[in-house]
């Protein structure tokens, strides 16, 4: 799981940085199919960003098919995304 803090002085927005970091980890195989992402509060704290920043990134990844949300269980890297990577 990418855990380095987001760079608030970078040209891209924090939410874009979080999205790109997660997408890159999935595409490079660091996050494999079936891997459960940490809860948004924990992930946000680890990255030093707001929970809304993490939620935006995860929702975009879900819309693009990289992750899937399982109600009451969490968010996981999708089989399709890992297979395409």
C-alpha atoms as a PDB file:
ATOM      1  CA  UNK A   1       0.000   0.000   0.000  1.00  0.00           C
ATOM      2  CA  UNK A   2       1.453   3.369  -0.939  1.00  0.00           C
ATOM      3  CA  UNK A   3       2.047   5.087   2.371  1.00  0.00           C
ATOM      4  CA  UNK A   4       4.225   8.136   1.753  1.00  0.00           C
ATOM      5  CA  UNK A   5       2.591  11.424   2.587  1.00  0.00           C
ATOM      6  CA  UNK A   6       0.991  13.391  -0.225  1.00  0.00           C
ATOM      7  CA  UNK A   7       2.835  16.524  -1.370  1.00  0.00           C
ATOM      8  CA  UNK A   8       0.693  19.583  -0.706  1.00  0.00           C
ATOM      9  CA  UNK A   9       3.076  21.810  -2.683  1.00  0.00           C
ATOM     10  CA  UNK A  10       2.900  19.777  -5.902  1.00  0.00           C
ATOM     11  CA  UNK A  11       1.181  21.134  -8.994  1.00  0.00           C
ATOM     12  CA  UNK A  12      -1.497  18.423  -8.986  1.00  0.00           C
ATOM     13  CA  UNK A  13      -4.220  18.354  -6.356  1.00  0.00           C
ATOM     14  CA  UNK A  14      -3.905  16.100  -3.326  1.00  0.00           C
ATOM     15  CA  UNK A  15      -6.850  13.997  -4.459  1.00  0.00           C
ATOM     16  CA  UNK A  16      -5.238  13.566  -7.882  1.00  0.00           C
ATOM     17  CA  UNK A  17      -1.983  12.504  -6.216  1.00  0.00           C
ATOM     18  CA  UNK A  18      -3.772   9.915  -4.059  1.00  0.00           C
ATOM     19  CA  UNK A  19      -5.683   8.616  -7.087  1.00  0.00           C
ATOM     20  CA  UNK A  20      -2.533   8.343  -9.222  1.00  0.00           C
ATOM     21  CA  UNK A  21      -0.603   6.659  -6.423  1.00  0.00           C
ATOM     22  CA  UNK A  22      -3.299   4.011  -5.911  1.00  0.00           C
ATOM     23  CA  UNK A  23      -3.832   3.481  -9.638  1.00  0.00           C
ATOM     24  CA  UNK A  24      -0.086   3.125 -10.141  1.00  0.00           C
ATOM     25  CA  UNK A  25       0.174   0.572  -7.337  1.00  0.00           C
ATOM     26  CA  UNK A  26      -2.614  -1.470  -8.937  1.00  0.00           C
ATOM     27  CA  UNK A  27      -1.140  -1.224 -12.442  1.00  0.00           C
ATOM     28  CA  UNK A  28       2.360  -2.149 -11.232  1.00  0.00           C
ATOM     29  CA  UNK A  29       1.069  -5.105  -9.237  1.00  0.00           C
ATOM     30  CA  UNK A  30       1.939  -3.737  -5.798  1.00  0.00           C
ATOM     31  CA  UNK A  31      -1.771  -4.000  -4.999  1.00  0.00           C
ATOM     32  CA  UNK A  32      -3.007  -7.315  -6.348  1.00  0.00           C
ATOM     33  CA  UNK A  33      -6.504  -8.490  -7.185  1.00  0.00           C
ATOM     34  CA  UNK A  34      -8.488  -9.151  -4.044  1.00  0.00           C
ATOM     35  CA  UNK A  35      -6.329  -6.903  -1.863  1.00  0.00           C
ATOM     36  CA  UNK A  36      -8.463  -5.018   0.640  1.00  0.00           C
ATOM     37  CA  UNK A  37      -7.774  -1.297   0.819  1.00  0.00           C
ATOM     38  CA  UNK A  38      -7.491   0.178   4.309  1.00  0.00           C
ATOM     39  CA  UNK A  39     -10.498   2.008   5.739  1.00  0.00           C
ATOM     40  CA  UNK A  40     -10.668   5.576   4.428  1.00  0.00           C
ATOM     41  CA  UNK A  41      -9.982   7.145   7.824  1.00  0.00           C
ATOM     42  CA  UNK A  42      -6.831   5.084   8.351  1.00  0.00           C
ATOM     43  CA  UNK A  43      -5.666   5.643   4.789  1.00  0.00           C
ATOM     44  CA  UNK A  44      -6.209   9.400   5.069  1.00  0.00           C
ATOM     45  CA  UNK A  45      -4.295   9.557   8.354  1.00  0.00           C
ATOM     46  CA  UNK A  46      -1.388   7.580   6.879  1.00  0.00           C
ATOM     47  CA  UNK A  47      -1.195   9.924   3.891  1.00  0.00           C
ATOM     48  CA  UNK A  48      -1.740  13.111   5.876  1.00  0.00           C
ATOM     49  CA  UNK A  49      -4.809  14.139   3.873  1.00  0.00           C
ATOM     50  CA  UNK A  50      -8.513  14.502   4.593  1.00  0.00           C
ATOM     51  CA  UNK A  51     -10.850  11.544   4.418  1.00  0.00           C
ATOM     52  CA  UNK A  52     -12.751  13.256   1.578  1.00  0.00           C
ATOM     53  CA  UNK A  53      -9.548  13.274  -0.474  1.00  0.00           C
ATOM     54  CA  UNK A  54      -9.217   9.506  -0.122  1.00  0.00           C
ATOM     55  CA  UNK A  55     -12.933   8.949  -0.764  1.00  0.00           C
ATOM     56  CA  UNK A  56     -12.744  10.967  -4.011  1.00  0.00           C
ATOM     57  CA  UNK A  57      -9.763   8.935  -5.226  1.00  0.00           C
ATOM     58  CA  UNK A  58     -11.391   5.606  -4.359  1.00  0.00           C
ATOM     59  CA  UNK A  59     -14.687   6.599  -6.002  1.00  0.00           C
ATOM     60  CA  UNK A  60     -12.831   7.492  -9.194  1.00  0.00           C
ATOM     61  CA  UNK A  61     -10.968   4.178  -9.112  1.00  0.00           C
ATOM     62  CA  UNK A  62     -14.281   2.402  -8.620  1.00  0.00           C
ATOM     63  CA  UNK A  63     -15.858   4.236 -11.568  1.00  0.00           C
ATOM     64  CA  UNK A  64     -12.909   3.159 -13.730  1.00  0.00           C
ATOM     65  CA  UNK A  65     -13.122  -0.472 -12.575  1.00  0.00           C
ATOM     66  CA  UNK A  66      -9.884  -0.599 -10.585  1.00  0.00           C
ATOM     67  CA  UNK A  67     -11.596  -1.321  -7.268  1.00  0.00           C
ATOM     68  CA  UNK A  68     -14.929  -2.670  -6.113  1.00  0.00           C
ATOM     69  CA  UNK A  69     -16.822  -1.826  -2.949  1.00  0.00           C
ATOM     70  CA  UNK A  70     -18.440  -4.645  -0.999  1.00  0.00           C
ATOM     71  CA  UNK A  71     -21.153  -3.326   1.287  1.00  0.00           C
ATOM     72  CA  UNK A  72     -20.278  -3.966   4.903  1.00  0.00           C
ATOM     73  CA  UNK A  73     -16.940  -5.533   3.973  1.00  0.00           C
ATOM     74  CA  UNK A  74     -14.652  -2.924   2.411  1.00  0.00           C
ATOM     75  CA  UNK A  75     -13.078  -1.925  -0.871  1.00  0.00           C
ATOM     76  CA  UNK A  76     -10.967  -4.375  -2.845  1.00  0.00           C
ATOM     77  CA  UNK A  77      -8.778  -4.294  -5.938  1.00  0.00           C
ATOM     78  CA  UNK A  78     -10.936  -5.753  -8.689  1.00  0.00           C
ATOM     79  CA  UNK A  79     -10.031  -8.902 -10.599  1.00  0.00           C
ATOM     80  CA  UNK A  80     -10.559  -7.116 -13.931  1.00  0.00           C
ATOM     81  CA  UNK A  81      -8.169  -4.271 -13.090  1.00  0.00           C
ATOM     82  CA  UNK A  82      -5.457  -6.611 -11.901  1.00  0.00           C
ATOM     83  CA  UNK A  83      -5.845  -8.767 -14.996  1.00  0.00           C
ATOM     84  CA  UNK A  84      -5.508  -5.761 -17.282  1.00  0.00           C
ATOM     85  CA  UNK A  85      -2.416  -4.502 -15.498  1.00  0.00           C
END
